């Protein structure tokens, strides 16, 4: 089944031309929205994606009706691929995953996106490693300073209860237990 998606950015624009082209392309169902492509929440697109089944084809007049960025387009195409459905753009014949050439192009795009994600992860890890080498502490700040931990340990060894020591420092008893573990 072909499912059409039409979108315009403002209330002043009309969906008529897109709807007509999608119907001519054989779309049995149309999902229409008057919303900016930059909007993160596009209910009709999400509804269409949730109704997409194996061997269905999501049809748009142009790819910019479907997504404003490459990453958004790749997110949508990934969902389409997971559902074993297809994507077809009437204006961009190369973006037709129902053809072998279209599948190849989208596979290349997906590969580039995966490569980009890998580079970002690698750079992030390099930055973390360099920061750690400079002595930057990661994670949540410690509730107690080292001298407070030492006092807490001494108080527990003197017989004060964990709860009483925790109240003294205004922390949860689990924090005091962790002080006792790390000597």
C-alpha atoms as a PDB file:
ATOM      1  CA  UNK A   1       0.000   0.000   0.000  1.00  0.00           C
ATOM      2  CA  UNK A   2       1.218   3.513  -0.788  1.00  0.00           C
ATOM      3  CA  UNK A   3       0.879   6.058   2.022  1.00  0.00           C
ATOM      4  CA  UNK A   4       1.325   9.708   1.131  1.00  0.00           C
ATOM      5  CA  UNK A   5       2.698  12.413   3.407  1.00  0.00           C
ATOM      6  CA  UNK A   6       2.136  16.093   2.601  1.00  0.00           C
ATOM      7  CA  UNK A   7       3.341  19.018   4.695  1.00  0.00           C
ATOM      8  CA  UNK A   8       3.363  22.768   4.432  1.00  0.00           C
ATOM      9  CA  UNK A   9       5.046  25.095   6.888  1.00  0.00           C
ATOM     10  CA  UNK A  10       2.415  27.770   7.432  1.00  0.00           C
ATOM     11  CA  UNK A  11      -1.330  28.100   7.658  1.00  0.00           C
ATOM     12  CA  UNK A  12      -1.335  30.371   4.580  1.00  0.00           C
ATOM     13  CA  UNK A  13      -0.011  27.591   2.350  1.00  0.00           C
ATOM     14  CA  UNK A  14      -2.198  24.895   0.854  1.00  0.00           C
ATOM     15  CA  UNK A  15      -1.727  21.142   0.704  1.00  0.00           C
ATOM     16  CA  UNK A  16      -3.888  20.746  -2.425  1.00  0.00           C
ATOM     17  CA  UNK A  17      -1.079  20.461  -4.989  1.00  0.00           C
ATOM     18  CA  UNK A  18       0.876  17.908  -2.928  1.00  0.00           C
ATOM     19  CA  UNK A  19      -2.274  15.894  -2.195  1.00  0.00           C
ATOM     20  CA  UNK A  20      -3.193  15.811  -5.873  1.00  0.00           C
ATOM     21  CA  UNK A  21       0.275  14.568  -6.893  1.00  0.00           C
ATOM     22  CA  UNK A  22       0.266  11.911  -4.151  1.00  0.00           C
ATOM     23  CA  UNK A  23      -3.152  10.662  -5.245  1.00  0.00           C
ATOM     24  CA  UNK A  24      -1.955  10.532  -8.878  1.00  0.00           C
ATOM     25  CA  UNK A  25       1.029   8.463  -7.667  1.00  0.00           C
ATOM     26  CA  UNK A  26      -1.417   5.884  -6.298  1.00  0.00           C
ATOM     27  CA  UNK A  27      -1.450   6.719  -2.594  1.00  0.00           C
ATOM     28  CA  UNK A  28      -4.398   5.061  -0.876  1.00  0.00           C
ATOM     29  CA  UNK A  29      -4.034   7.042   2.346  1.00  0.00           C
ATOM     30  CA  UNK A  30      -2.853  10.615   2.839  1.00  0.00           C
ATOM     31  CA  UNK A  31      -1.405  12.148   5.976  1.00  0.00           C
ATOM     32  CA  UNK A  32      -1.381  15.946   5.855  1.00  0.00           C
ATOM     33  CA  UNK A  33       0.155  18.523   8.192  1.00  0.00           C
ATOM     34  CA  UNK A  34       0.436  22.290   8.383  1.00  0.00           C
ATOM     35  CA  UNK A  35       3.487  22.492  10.590  1.00  0.00           C
ATOM     36  CA  UNK A  36       7.106  23.607  10.329  1.00  0.00           C
ATOM     37  CA  UNK A  37       9.565  20.920   9.274  1.00  0.00           C
ATOM     38  CA  UNK A  38      11.745  22.047  12.160  1.00  0.00           C
ATOM     39  CA  UNK A  39       9.033  21.024  14.632  1.00  0.00           C
ATOM     40  CA  UNK A  40      10.139  18.013  16.629  1.00  0.00           C
ATOM     41  CA  UNK A  41       6.582  16.826  17.140  1.00  0.00           C
ATOM     42  CA  UNK A  42       4.827  16.110  13.848  1.00  0.00           C
ATOM     43  CA  UNK A  43       1.802  14.016  14.857  1.00  0.00           C
ATOM     44  CA  UNK A  44       0.669  13.054  11.345  1.00  0.00           C
ATOM     45  CA  UNK A  45       4.143  11.847  10.363  1.00  0.00           C
ATOM     46  CA  UNK A  46       4.389   9.809  13.557  1.00  0.00           C
ATOM     47  CA  UNK A  47       0.917   8.389  12.914  1.00  0.00           C
ATOM     48  CA  UNK A  48       1.933   7.429   9.372  1.00  0.00           C
ATOM     49  CA  UNK A  49       5.141   5.776  10.590  1.00  0.00           C
ATOM     50  CA  UNK A  50       3.213   3.814  13.214  1.00  0.00           C
ATOM     51  CA  UNK A  51       0.766   2.526  10.563  1.00  0.00           C
ATOM     52  CA  UNK A  52       3.505   1.598   8.077  1.00  0.00           C
ATOM     53  CA  UNK A  53       3.645  -2.149   7.425  1.00  0.00           C
ATOM     54  CA  UNK A  54       5.951  -4.509   5.533  1.00  0.00           C
ATOM     55  CA  UNK A  55       6.041  -3.738   1.777  1.00  0.00           C
ATOM     56  CA  UNK A  56       4.183  -0.411   2.225  1.00  0.00           C
ATOM     57  CA  UNK A  57       5.706   2.654   0.553  1.00  0.00           C
ATOM     58  CA  UNK A  58       5.819   6.112   2.127  1.00  0.00           C
ATOM     59  CA  UNK A  59       5.485   8.614  -0.732  1.00  0.00           C
ATOM     60  CA  UNK A  60       6.352  12.322  -0.594  1.00  0.00           C
ATOM     61  CA  UNK A  61       6.441  14.931  -3.339  1.00  0.00           C
ATOM     62  CA  UNK A  62       9.900  16.099  -2.202  1.00  0.00           C
ATOM     63  CA  UNK A  63      12.236  14.962   0.566  1.00  0.00           C
ATOM     64  CA  UNK A  64      12.144  18.390   2.230  1.00  0.00           C
ATOM     65  CA  UNK A  65       8.464  17.729   2.974  1.00  0.00           C
ATOM     66  CA  UNK A  66       9.569  14.709   5.019  1.00  0.00           C
ATOM     67  CA  UNK A  67      12.641  16.091   6.802  1.00  0.00           C
ATOM     68  CA  UNK A  68      14.546  19.358   7.243  1.00  0.00           C
ATOM     69  CA  UNK A  69      17.948  17.780   7.862  1.00  0.00           C
ATOM     70  CA  UNK A  70      19.973  14.794   6.768  1.00  0.00           C
ATOM     71  CA  UNK A  71      19.935  13.379  10.291  1.00  0.00           C
ATOM     72  CA  UNK A  72      16.128  13.632  10.447  1.00  0.00           C
ATOM     73  CA  UNK A  73      15.826  12.017   7.015  1.00  0.00           C
ATOM     74  CA  UNK A  74      18.100   9.187   8.123  1.00  0.00           C
ATOM     75  CA  UNK A  75      16.056   8.724  11.317  1.00  0.00           C
ATOM     76  CA  UNK A  76      12.862   8.387   9.272  1.00  0.00           C
ATOM     77  CA  UNK A  77      14.439   6.093   6.681  1.00  0.00           C
ATOM     78  CA  UNK A  78      15.806   3.907   9.474  1.00  0.00           C
ATOM     79  CA  UNK A  79      12.263   3.472  10.841  1.00  0.00           C
ATOM     80  CA  UNK A  80      11.019   2.700   7.325  1.00  0.00           C
ATOM     81  CA  UNK A  81      13.786   0.110   6.836  1.00  0.00           C
ATOM     82  CA  UNK A  82      13.060  -1.519  10.207  1.00  0.00           C
ATOM     83  CA  UNK A  83       9.447  -1.971   9.108  1.00  0.00           C
ATOM     84  CA  UNK A  84      10.657  -3.431   5.786  1.00  0.00           C
ATOM     85  CA  UNK A  85       8.801  -0.702   3.919  1.00  0.00           C
ATOM     86  CA  UNK A  86       9.932   1.667   1.186  1.00  0.00           C
ATOM     87  CA  UNK A  87      10.371   5.391   0.615  1.00  0.00           C
ATOM     88  CA  UNK A  88       9.633   7.196  -2.627  1.00  0.00           C
ATOM     89  CA  UNK A  89      10.103  10.866  -3.516  1.00  0.00           C
ATOM     90  CA  UNK A  90       8.303  12.017  -6.640  1.00  0.00           C
ATOM     91  CA  UNK A  91      10.762  14.882  -7.326  1.00  0.00           C
ATOM     92  CA  UNK A  92      13.960  12.970  -6.459  1.00  0.00           C
ATOM     93  CA  UNK A  93      13.871   9.675  -8.375  1.00  0.00           C
ATOM     94  CA  UNK A  94      17.183   8.648  -6.789  1.00  0.00           C
ATOM     95  CA  UNK A  95      15.394   8.577  -3.403  1.00  0.00           C
ATOM     96  CA  UNK A  96      13.202   5.594  -4.209  1.00  0.00           C
ATOM     97  CA  UNK A  97      14.017   2.576  -2.070  1.00  0.00           C
ATOM     98  CA  UNK A  98      11.612   0.460  -4.115  1.00  0.00           C
ATOM     99  CA  UNK A  99      14.309   0.367  -6.842  1.00  0.00           C
ATOM    100  CA  UNK A 100      17.775  -1.182  -6.599  1.00  0.00           C
ATOM    101  CA  UNK A 101      19.489   2.156  -7.379  1.00  0.00           C
ATOM    102  CA  UNK A 102      17.421   3.976  -4.729  1.00  0.00           C
ATOM    103  CA  UNK A 103      18.255   1.309  -2.151  1.00  0.00           C
ATOM    104  CA  UNK A 104      21.935   1.705  -2.965  1.00  0.00           C
ATOM    105  CA  UNK A 105      21.828   5.513  -2.584  1.00  0.00           C
ATOM    106  CA  UNK A 106      20.023   5.292   0.761  1.00  0.00           C
ATOM    107  CA  UNK A 107      22.483   2.619   1.909  1.00  0.00           C
ATOM    108  CA  UNK A 108      25.355   4.965   1.079  1.00  0.00           C
ATOM    109  CA  UNK A 109      23.636   7.782   3.013  1.00  0.00           C
ATOM    110  CA  UNK A 110      23.141   5.472   5.967  1.00  0.00           C
ATOM    111  CA  UNK A 111      26.790   4.451   5.811  1.00  0.00           C
ATOM    112  CA  UNK A 112      27.893   8.089   5.813  1.00  0.00           C
ATOM    113  CA  UNK A 113      25.652   8.812   8.807  1.00  0.00           C
ATOM    114  CA  UNK A 114      27.054   5.796  10.674  1.00  0.00           C
ATOM    115  CA  UNK A 115      30.599   6.953   9.870  1.00  0.00           C
ATOM    116  CA  UNK A 116      29.763  10.438  11.178  1.00  0.00           C
ATOM    117  CA  UNK A 117      28.321   8.994  14.411  1.00  0.00           C
ATOM    118  CA  UNK A 118      31.464   6.888  14.873  1.00  0.00           C
ATOM    119  CA  UNK A 119      33.691   9.940  14.378  1.00  0.00           C
ATOM    120  CA  UNK A 120      31.686  11.924  16.919  1.00  0.00           C
ATOM    121  CA  UNK A 121      31.966   9.094  19.473  1.00  0.00           C
ATOM    122  CA  UNK A 122      35.688   8.796  18.830  1.00  0.00           C
ATOM    123  CA  UNK A 123      36.264  12.546  19.247  1.00  0.00           C
ATOM    124  CA  UNK A 124      34.165  12.573  22.399  1.00  0.00           C
ATOM    125  CA  UNK A 125      36.179   9.712  23.896  1.00  0.00           C
ATOM    126  CA  UNK A 126      39.462  11.406  22.964  1.00  0.00           C
ATOM    127  CA  UNK A 127      38.261  14.567  24.713  1.00  0.00           C
ATOM    128  CA  UNK A 128      37.264  12.615  27.813  1.00  0.00           C
ATOM    129  CA  UNK A 129      40.624  10.821  27.886  1.00  0.00           C
ATOM    130  CA  UNK A 130      42.518  14.132  27.560  1.00  0.00           C
ATOM    131  CA  UNK A 131      40.418  15.707  30.324  1.00  0.00           C
ATOM    132  CA  UNK A 132      41.027  12.722  32.610  1.00  0.00           C
ATOM    133  CA  UNK A 133      44.770  12.982  31.929  1.00  0.00           C
ATOM    134  CA  UNK A 134      44.570  16.626  33.067  1.00  0.00           C
ATOM    135  CA  UNK A 135      42.870  15.467  36.272  1.00  0.00           C
ATOM    136  CA  UNK A 136      39.313  16.539  35.477  1.00  0.00           C
ATOM    137  CA  UNK A 137      36.877  14.605  37.652  1.00  0.00           C
ATOM    138  CA  UNK A 138      33.845  13.123  35.920  1.00  0.00           C
ATOM    139  CA  UNK A 139      30.530  12.201  37.376  1.00  0.00           C
ATOM    140  CA  UNK A 140      28.567  13.553  40.240  1.00  0.00           C
ATOM    141  CA  UNK A 141      30.388  15.666  42.833  1.00  0.00           C
ATOM    142  CA  UNK A 142      31.204  13.918  46.092  1.00  0.00           C
ATOM    143  CA  UNK A 143      28.787  14.671  48.943  1.00  0.00           C
ATOM    144  CA  UNK A 144      31.576  14.721  51.495  1.00  0.00           C
ATOM    145  CA  UNK A 145      35.104  16.120  51.307  1.00  0.00           C
ATOM    146  CA  UNK A 146      37.951  13.707  52.174  1.00  0.00           C
ATOM    147  CA  UNK A 147      38.346  15.130  55.702  1.00  0.00           C
ATOM    148  CA  UNK A 148      34.582  14.749  56.317  1.00  0.00           C
ATOM    149  CA  UNK A 149      34.771  11.121  55.183  1.00  0.00           C
ATOM    150  CA  UNK A 150      37.573  10.517  57.660  1.00  0.00           C
ATOM    151  CA  UNK A 151      35.526  12.095  60.494  1.00  0.00           C
ATOM    152  CA  UNK A 152      32.486  10.010  59.484  1.00  0.00           C
ATOM    153  CA  UNK A 153      34.576   6.817  59.619  1.00  0.00           C
ATOM    154  CA  UNK A 154      35.941   7.794  63.036  1.00  0.00           C
ATOM    155  CA  UNK A 155      32.433   8.500  64.392  1.00  0.00           C
ATOM    156  CA  UNK A 156      31.163   5.098  63.200  1.00  0.00           C
ATOM    157  CA  UNK A 157      34.221   3.352  64.727  1.00  0.00           C
ATOM    158  CA  UNK A 158      33.504   5.176  68.003  1.00  0.00           C
ATOM    159  CA  UNK A 159      30.056   3.552  68.058  1.00  0.00           C
ATOM    160  CA  UNK A 160      27.777   6.216  66.565  1.00  0.00           C
ATOM    161  CA  UNK A 161      25.059   4.765  64.365  1.00  0.00           C
ATOM    162  CA  UNK A 162      25.190   5.170  60.593  1.00  0.00           C
ATOM    163  CA  UNK A 163      21.912   7.140  60.707  1.00  0.00           C
ATOM    164  CA  UNK A 164      23.246   9.528  63.370  1.00  0.00           C
ATOM    165  CA  UNK A 165      26.448  10.154  61.399  1.00  0.00           C
ATOM    166  CA  UNK A 166      24.408  10.695  58.211  1.00  0.00           C
ATOM    167  CA  UNK A 167      22.236  13.261  60.024  1.00  0.00           C
ATOM    168  CA  UNK A 168      25.365  15.013  61.299  1.00  0.00           C
ATOM    169  CA  UNK A 169      26.544  15.623  57.727  1.00  0.00           C
ATOM    170  CA  UNK A 170      23.082  15.987  56.170  1.00  0.00           C
ATOM    171  CA  UNK A 171      23.491  13.052  53.797  1.00  0.00           C
ATOM    172  CA  UNK A 172      21.771   9.764  53.152  1.00  0.00           C
ATOM    173  CA  UNK A 173      23.016   6.757  55.199  1.00  0.00           C
ATOM    174  CA  UNK A 174      24.136   5.100  51.933  1.00  0.00           C
ATOM    175  CA  UNK A 175      26.745   7.857  51.590  1.00  0.00           C
ATOM    176  CA  UNK A 176      28.200   6.894  54.980  1.00  0.00           C
ATOM    177  CA  UNK A 177      28.222   3.215  54.015  1.00  0.00           C
ATOM    178  CA  UNK A 178      30.211   4.140  50.875  1.00  0.00           C
ATOM    179  CA  UNK A 179      32.714   6.037  53.077  1.00  0.00           C
ATOM    180  CA  UNK A 180      33.232   2.873  55.117  1.00  0.00           C
ATOM    181  CA  UNK A 181      33.831   0.767  51.982  1.00  0.00           C
ATOM    182  CA  UNK A 182      36.511   3.111  50.575  1.00  0.00           C
ATOM    183  CA  UNK A 183      39.289   3.436  53.102  1.00  0.00           C
END
